[in-house]
Amino acid sequence: MKYDALINETIKKNQLVKINNKLYLFNYQIEVLKKYQIPFEGCQSINEIIFYIEEILNEDNNDLEDLENVSISLTEQDYYQNYKK
């Protein structure tokens, strides 16, 4: 069924992947970071990845909605993981 494929694809995109002892990313974030050749494997924090993303967003005048969405999701992820509420 097409529903099974859609469900499996959605689950795969939303799985967390351990990058190193301090960093976990969702598969869809990894796909977008690879697309823009952002060296996330060597990063030690989400803020470091956001820095790379912001450099690209500030330099490029094209519509980079997927990269902007990853930046937003990483900012939210960093907030919930690293700040006391």
C-alpha atoms as a PDB file:
ATOM      1  CA  MET A   1       0.000   0.000   0.000  1.00  0.00           C
ATOM      2  CA  LYS A   2       1.050   3.559  -0.583  1.00  0.00           C
ATOM      3  CA  TYR A   3       0.203   4.404   3.008  1.00  0.00           C
ATOM      4  CA  ASP A   4       2.784   1.965   4.315  1.00  0.00           C
ATOM      5  CA  ALA A   5       5.499   3.548   2.178  1.00  0.00           C
ATOM      6  CA  LEU A   6       4.499   7.033   3.324  1.00  0.00           C
ATOM      7  CA  ILE A   7       4.458   5.991   6.966  1.00  0.00           C
ATOM      8  CA  ASN A   8       7.845   4.285   6.693  1.00  0.00           C
ATOM      9  CA  GLU A   9       9.350   7.305   4.933  1.00  0.00           C
ATOM     10  CA  THR A  10       8.004   9.649   7.615  1.00  0.00           C
ATOM     11  CA  ILE A  11       9.370   7.462  10.399  1.00  0.00           C
ATOM     12  CA  LYS A  12      12.777   7.269   8.736  1.00  0.00           C
ATOM     13  CA  LYS A  13      13.008  11.056   8.290  1.00  0.00           C
ATOM     14  CA  ASN A  14      12.155  11.606  11.949  1.00  0.00           C
ATOM     15  CA  GLN A  15      14.636   9.141  13.423  1.00  0.00           C
ATOM     16  CA  LEU A  16      17.422  10.579  15.527  1.00  0.00           C
ATOM     17  CA  VAL A  17      20.962   9.685  14.522  1.00  0.00           C
ATOM     18  CA  LYS A  18      23.883   9.909  16.934  1.00  0.00           C
ATOM     19  CA  ILE A  19      26.600  12.044  15.341  1.00  0.00           C
ATOM     20  CA  ASN A  20      28.885  12.064  18.394  1.00  0.00           C
ATOM     21  CA  ASN A  21      28.540  11.985  22.188  1.00  0.00           C
ATOM     22  CA  LYS A  22      27.036  15.486  22.257  1.00  0.00           C
ATOM     23  CA  LEU A  23      25.098  15.712  19.024  1.00  0.00           C
ATOM     24  CA  TYR A  24      21.988  13.997  17.682  1.00  0.00           C
ATOM     25  CA  LEU A  25      20.269  14.975  14.436  1.00  0.00           C
ATOM     26  CA  PHE A  26      17.157  13.849  12.619  1.00  0.00           C
ATOM     27  CA  ASN A  27      17.639  12.116   9.263  1.00  0.00           C
ATOM     28  CA  TYR A  28      15.906  14.948   7.375  1.00  0.00           C
ATOM     29  CA  GLN A  29      18.276  17.466   8.981  1.00  0.00           C
ATOM     30  CA  ILE A  30      21.238  15.355   7.892  1.00  0.00           C
ATOM     31  CA  GLU A  31      19.900  15.175   4.322  1.00  0.00           C
ATOM     32  CA  VAL A  32      19.619  18.969   4.090  1.00  0.00           C
ATOM     33  CA  LEU A  33      23.007  19.562   5.714  1.00  0.00           C
ATOM     34  CA  LYS A  34      24.628  17.185   3.222  1.00  0.00           C
ATOM     35  CA  LYS A  35      22.832  18.939   0.352  1.00  0.00           C
ATOM     36  CA  TYR A  36      24.510  22.218   1.315  1.00  0.00           C
ATOM     37  CA  GLN A  37      27.821  20.545   2.213  1.00  0.00           C
ATOM     38  CA  ILE A  38      27.724  21.652   5.836  1.00  0.00           C
ATOM     39  CA  PRO A  39      30.382  19.722   7.812  1.00  0.00           C
ATOM     40  CA  PHE A  40      28.098  18.602  10.638  1.00  0.00           C
ATOM     41  CA  GLU A  41      30.145  15.456  11.403  1.00  0.00           C
ATOM     42  CA  GLY A  42      32.954  17.544  12.883  1.00  0.00           C
ATOM     43  CA  CYS A  43      30.681  19.822  14.905  1.00  0.00           C
ATOM     44  CA  GLN A  44      30.508  19.509  18.671  1.00  0.00           C
ATOM     45  CA  SER A  45      27.264  21.418  19.178  1.00  0.00           C
ATOM     46  CA  ILE A  46      24.036  22.415  17.504  1.00  0.00           C
ATOM     47  CA  ASN A  47      25.130  26.054  17.727  1.00  0.00           C
ATOM     48  CA  GLU A  48      28.160  25.271  15.587  1.00  0.00           C
ATOM     49  CA  ILE A  49      25.915  23.824  12.870  1.00  0.00           C
ATOM     50  CA  ILE A  50      23.573  26.824  13.114  1.00  0.00           C
ATOM     51  CA  PHE A  51      26.603  29.086  12.593  1.00  0.00           C
ATOM     52  CA  TYR A  52      27.436  27.305   9.309  1.00  0.00           C
ATOM     53  CA  ILE A  53      23.805  27.506   8.204  1.00  0.00           C
ATOM     54  CA  GLU A  54      23.556  31.215   8.971  1.00  0.00           C
ATOM     55  CA  GLU A  55      26.711  31.881   6.942  1.00  0.00           C
ATOM     56  CA  ILE A  56      25.100  30.252   3.907  1.00  0.00           C
ATOM     57  CA  LEU A  57      21.754  31.971   4.450  1.00  0.00           C
ATOM     58  CA  ASN A  58      23.436  35.377   4.777  1.00  0.00           C
ATOM     59  CA  GLU A  59      25.563  34.914   1.637  1.00  0.00           C
ATOM     60  CA  ASP A  60      22.990  33.356  -0.678  1.00  0.00           C
ATOM     61  CA  ASN A  61      20.106  35.388  -2.092  1.00  0.00           C
ATOM     62  CA  ASN A  62      18.213  32.336  -3.310  1.00  0.00           C
ATOM     63  CA  ASP A  63      15.232  30.864  -1.530  1.00  0.00           C
ATOM     64  CA  LEU A  64      16.690  28.243   0.795  1.00  0.00           C
ATOM     65  CA  GLU A  65      13.505  27.300   2.614  1.00  0.00           C
ATOM     66  CA  ASP A  66      14.682  23.789   3.487  1.00  0.00           C
ATOM     67  CA  LEU A  67      17.864  25.140   5.076  1.00  0.00           C
ATOM     68  CA  GLU A  68      15.914  27.822   6.937  1.00  0.00           C
ATOM     69  CA  ASN A  69      13.575  25.144   8.297  1.00  0.00           C
ATOM     70  CA  VAL A  70      16.525  23.076   9.530  1.00  0.00           C
ATOM     71  CA  SER A  71      17.955  26.165  11.211  1.00  0.00           C
ATOM     72  CA  ILE A  72      14.659  26.771  13.000  1.00  0.00           C
ATOM     73  CA  SER A  73      14.314  23.139  14.070  1.00  0.00           C
ATOM     74  CA  LEU A  74      17.913  23.065  15.348  1.00  0.00           C
ATOM     75  CA  THR A  75      17.338  26.260  17.312  1.00  0.00           C
ATOM     76  CA  GLU A  76      14.275  24.706  18.937  1.00  0.00           C
ATOM     77  CA  GLN A  77      16.121  21.446  19.567  1.00  0.00           C
ATOM     78  CA  ASP A  78      18.994  23.348  21.216  1.00  0.00           C
ATOM     79  CA  TYR A  79      16.572  25.284  23.417  1.00  0.00           C
ATOM     80  CA  TYR A  80      14.790  22.182  24.698  1.00  0.00           C
ATOM     81  CA  GLN A  81      17.992  20.207  25.232  1.00  0.00           C
ATOM     82  CA  ASN A  82      20.228  22.842  26.796  1.00  0.00           C
ATOM     83  CA  TYR A  83      18.181  25.412  28.680  1.00  0.00           C
ATOM     84  CA  LYS A  84      16.376  24.984  31.944  1.00  0.00           C
ATOM     85  CA  LYS A  85      12.734  25.933  31.877  1.00  0.00           C
END
